[in-house]
C-alpha atoms as a PDB file:
ATOM      1  CA  UNK A   1      -8.832 -10.583  24.898  1.00  0.00           C
ATOM      2  CA  UNK A   2     -10.279  -7.386  23.464  1.00  0.00           C
ATOM      3  CA  UNK A   3      -8.371  -6.079  20.381  1.00  0.00           C
ATOM      4  CA  UNK A   4      -6.899  -2.618  20.753  1.00  0.00           C
ATOM      5  CA  UNK A   5      -8.450   0.143  18.771  1.00  0.00           C
ATOM      6  CA  UNK A   6      -6.344   1.200  15.761  1.00  0.00           C
ATOM      7  CA  UNK A   7      -6.218   4.612  17.157  1.00  0.00           C
ATOM      8  CA  UNK A   8      -4.265   3.361  20.158  1.00  0.00           C
ATOM      9  CA  UNK A   9      -1.885   0.970  18.261  1.00  0.00           C
ATOM     10  CA  UNK A  10       1.836   1.469  18.685  1.00  0.00           C
ATOM     11  CA  UNK A  11       3.295   3.901  16.118  1.00  0.00           C
ATOM     12  CA  UNK A  12       6.515   3.414  14.220  1.00  0.00           C
ATOM     13  CA  UNK A  13       8.641   6.140  12.781  1.00  0.00           C
ATOM     14  CA  UNK A  14      10.794   5.446   9.735  1.00  0.00           C
ATOM     15  CA  UNK A  15      13.437   7.913   8.622  1.00  0.00           C
ATOM     16  CA  UNK A  16      15.156   8.066   5.156  1.00  0.00           C
ATOM     17  CA  UNK A  17      17.678  10.412   3.826  1.00  0.00           C
ATOM     18  CA  UNK A  18      17.380  10.932   0.057  1.00  0.00           C
ATOM     19  CA  UNK A  19      20.115  12.723  -2.035  1.00  0.00           C
ATOM     20  CA  UNK A  20      20.050  13.516  -5.716  1.00  0.00           C
ATOM     21  CA  UNK A  21      23.545  12.850  -7.128  1.00  0.00           C
ATOM     22  CA  UNK A  22      22.472  13.355 -10.736  1.00  0.00           C
ATOM     23  CA  UNK A  23      23.167  16.433 -12.682  1.00  0.00           C
ATOM     24  CA  UNK A  24      19.481  17.161 -13.087  1.00  0.00           C
ATOM     25  CA  UNK A  25      16.386  17.281 -10.876  1.00  0.00           C
ATOM     26  CA  UNK A  26      14.785  14.025 -10.025  1.00  0.00           C
ATOM     27  CA  UNK A  27      11.151  13.717  -9.094  1.00  0.00           C
ATOM     28  CA  UNK A  28      10.345  12.293  -5.534  1.00  0.00           C
ATOM     29  CA  UNK A  29       6.807  10.912  -5.468  1.00  0.00           C
ATOM     30  CA  UNK A  30       5.132   9.812  -2.120  1.00  0.00           C
ATOM     31  CA  UNK A  31       2.351   7.273  -2.629  1.00  0.00           C
ATOM     32  CA  UNK A  32      -0.467   6.653  -2.235  1.00  0.00           C
ATOM     33  CA  UNK A  33      -0.876  10.413  -1.931  1.00  0.00           C
ATOM     34  CA  UNK A  34       0.682  11.096  -5.299  1.00  0.00           C
ATOM     35  CA  UNK A  35       2.534  14.121  -3.899  1.00  0.00           C
ATOM     36  CA  UNK A  36       5.624  15.079  -5.771  1.00  0.00           C
ATOM     37  CA  UNK A  37       8.562  17.357  -5.439  1.00  0.00           C
ATOM     38  CA  UNK A  38      11.730  18.081  -7.482  1.00  0.00           C
ATOM     39  CA  UNK A  39      14.869  16.899  -5.745  1.00  0.00           C
ATOM     40  CA  UNK A  40      17.519  19.307  -6.658  1.00  0.00           C
ATOM     41  CA  UNK A  41      21.094  18.229  -7.293  1.00  0.00           C
ATOM     42  CA  UNK A  42      23.261  17.933  -4.094  1.00  0.00           C
ATOM     43  CA  UNK A  43      20.527  18.474  -1.520  1.00  0.00           C
ATOM     44  CA  UNK A  44      19.755  16.142   1.355  1.00  0.00           C
ATOM     45  CA  UNK A  45      16.145  15.504   1.956  1.00  0.00           C
ATOM     46  CA  UNK A  46      14.855  13.992   5.188  1.00  0.00           C
ATOM     47  CA  UNK A  47      11.776  11.736   4.698  1.00  0.00           C
ATOM     48  CA  UNK A  48       9.798  10.644   7.723  1.00  0.00           C
ATOM     49  CA  UNK A  49       6.973   8.137   7.708  1.00  0.00           C
ATOM     50  CA  UNK A  50       4.953   7.438  10.822  1.00  0.00           C
ATOM     51  CA  UNK A  51       2.333   4.767  11.138  1.00  0.00           C
ATOM     52  CA  UNK A  52       1.327   1.532  12.798  1.00  0.00           C
ATOM     53  CA  UNK A  53       4.286  -0.507  14.036  1.00  0.00           C
ATOM     54  CA  UNK A  54       5.268  -3.524  12.060  1.00  0.00           C
ATOM     55  CA  UNK A  55       5.176  -1.986   8.480  1.00  0.00           C
ATOM     56  CA  UNK A  56       7.823  -0.069   6.555  1.00  0.00           C
ATOM     57  CA  UNK A  57       7.803   2.179   3.520  1.00  0.00           C
ATOM     58  CA  UNK A  58       8.748   0.682   0.093  1.00  0.00           C
ATOM     59  CA  UNK A  59      11.119   2.244  -2.318  1.00  0.00           C
ATOM     60  CA  UNK A  60      11.054   2.227  -6.175  1.00  0.00           C
ATOM     61  CA  UNK A  61      13.671   4.170  -8.210  1.00  0.00           C
ATOM     62  CA  UNK A  62      14.508   4.978 -11.734  1.00  0.00           C
ATOM     63  CA  UNK A  63      16.801   7.297 -13.564  1.00  0.00           C
ATOM     64  CA  UNK A  64      14.413  10.378 -13.208  1.00  0.00           C
ATOM     65  CA  UNK A  65      12.068   9.338 -10.403  1.00  0.00           C
ATOM     66  CA  UNK A  66      12.050   7.947  -6.837  1.00  0.00           C
ATOM     67  CA  UNK A  67       8.757   6.607  -5.538  1.00  0.00           C
ATOM     68  CA  UNK A  68       8.268   5.995  -1.770  1.00  0.00           C
ATOM     69  CA  UNK A  69       5.114   4.026  -0.677  1.00  0.00           C
ATOM     70  CA  UNK A  70       3.552   4.423   2.749  1.00  0.00           C
ATOM     71  CA  UNK A  71       1.527   1.644   4.415  1.00  0.00           C
ATOM     72  CA  UNK A  72      -2.012   1.506   5.822  1.00  0.00           C
ATOM     73  CA  UNK A  73      -2.396   4.130   8.527  1.00  0.00           C
ATOM     74  CA  UNK A  74       0.839   5.884   7.726  1.00  0.00           C
ATOM     75  CA  UNK A  75       1.524   9.538   7.093  1.00  0.00           C
ATOM     76  CA  UNK A  76       4.630  11.216   5.615  1.00  0.00           C
ATOM     77  CA  UNK A  77       6.659  14.405   5.742  1.00  0.00           C
ATOM     78  CA  UNK A  78       9.697  15.584   3.616  1.00  0.00           C
ATOM     79  CA  UNK A  79      12.215  18.211   4.959  1.00  0.00           C
ATOM     80  CA  UNK A  80      15.043  20.141   3.342  1.00  0.00           C
ATOM     81  CA  UNK A  81      17.463  21.929   5.718  1.00  0.00           C
ATOM     82  CA  UNK A  82      14.963  21.393   8.544  1.00  0.00           C
ATOM     83  CA  UNK A  83      12.070  22.958   6.746  1.00  0.00           C
ATOM     84  CA  UNK A  84       9.044  20.935   5.753  1.00  0.00           C
ATOM     85  CA  UNK A  85       8.682  20.930   1.884  1.00  0.00           C
ATOM     86  CA  UNK A  86       6.038  18.264   1.531  1.00  0.00           C
ATOM     87  CA  UNK A  87       3.368  16.962   3.882  1.00  0.00           C
ATOM     88  CA  UNK A  88       1.184  13.847   3.388  1.00  0.00           C
ATOM     89  CA  UNK A  89      -0.911  14.257   6.582  1.00  0.00           C
ATOM     90  CA  UNK A  90      -3.920  12.039   5.664  1.00  0.00           C
ATOM     91  CA  UNK A  91      -3.440   8.529   6.859  1.00  0.00           C
ATOM     92  CA  UNK A  92      -3.347   5.805   4.240  1.00  0.00           C
ATOM     93  CA  UNK A  93      -6.644   4.021   4.268  1.00  0.00           C
ATOM     94  CA  UNK A  94      -6.733   0.329   5.475  1.00  0.00           C
ATOM     95  CA  UNK A  95      -6.530  -2.248   2.804  1.00  0.00           C
ATOM     96  CA  UNK A  96      -9.605  -4.538   2.427  1.00  0.00           C
ATOM     97  CA  UNK A  97      -9.274  -7.894   3.990  1.00  0.00           C
ATOM     98  CA  UNK A  98      -9.167 -10.773   1.627  1.00  0.00           C
END
């Protein structure tokens, strides 16, 4: 059976809501793009990842920083009050096979 081209693989959407409940701005970094924004206190940010089905974003957080990691083939967007505030439109490159 012929393998389906990666351009035609099923896509998966992953949605995350992120809120800064600290009394100071927190950095949100989207990797591997290294794009960052400041999350202001009390705002709800909607993060959308889209990419090949079967994978999911990973989350790492600390007191001053939250890092979200995309997966091979994924793209990401961040919205505040329905307005796009960050775009990671270049798909993550495929990882080399071992």
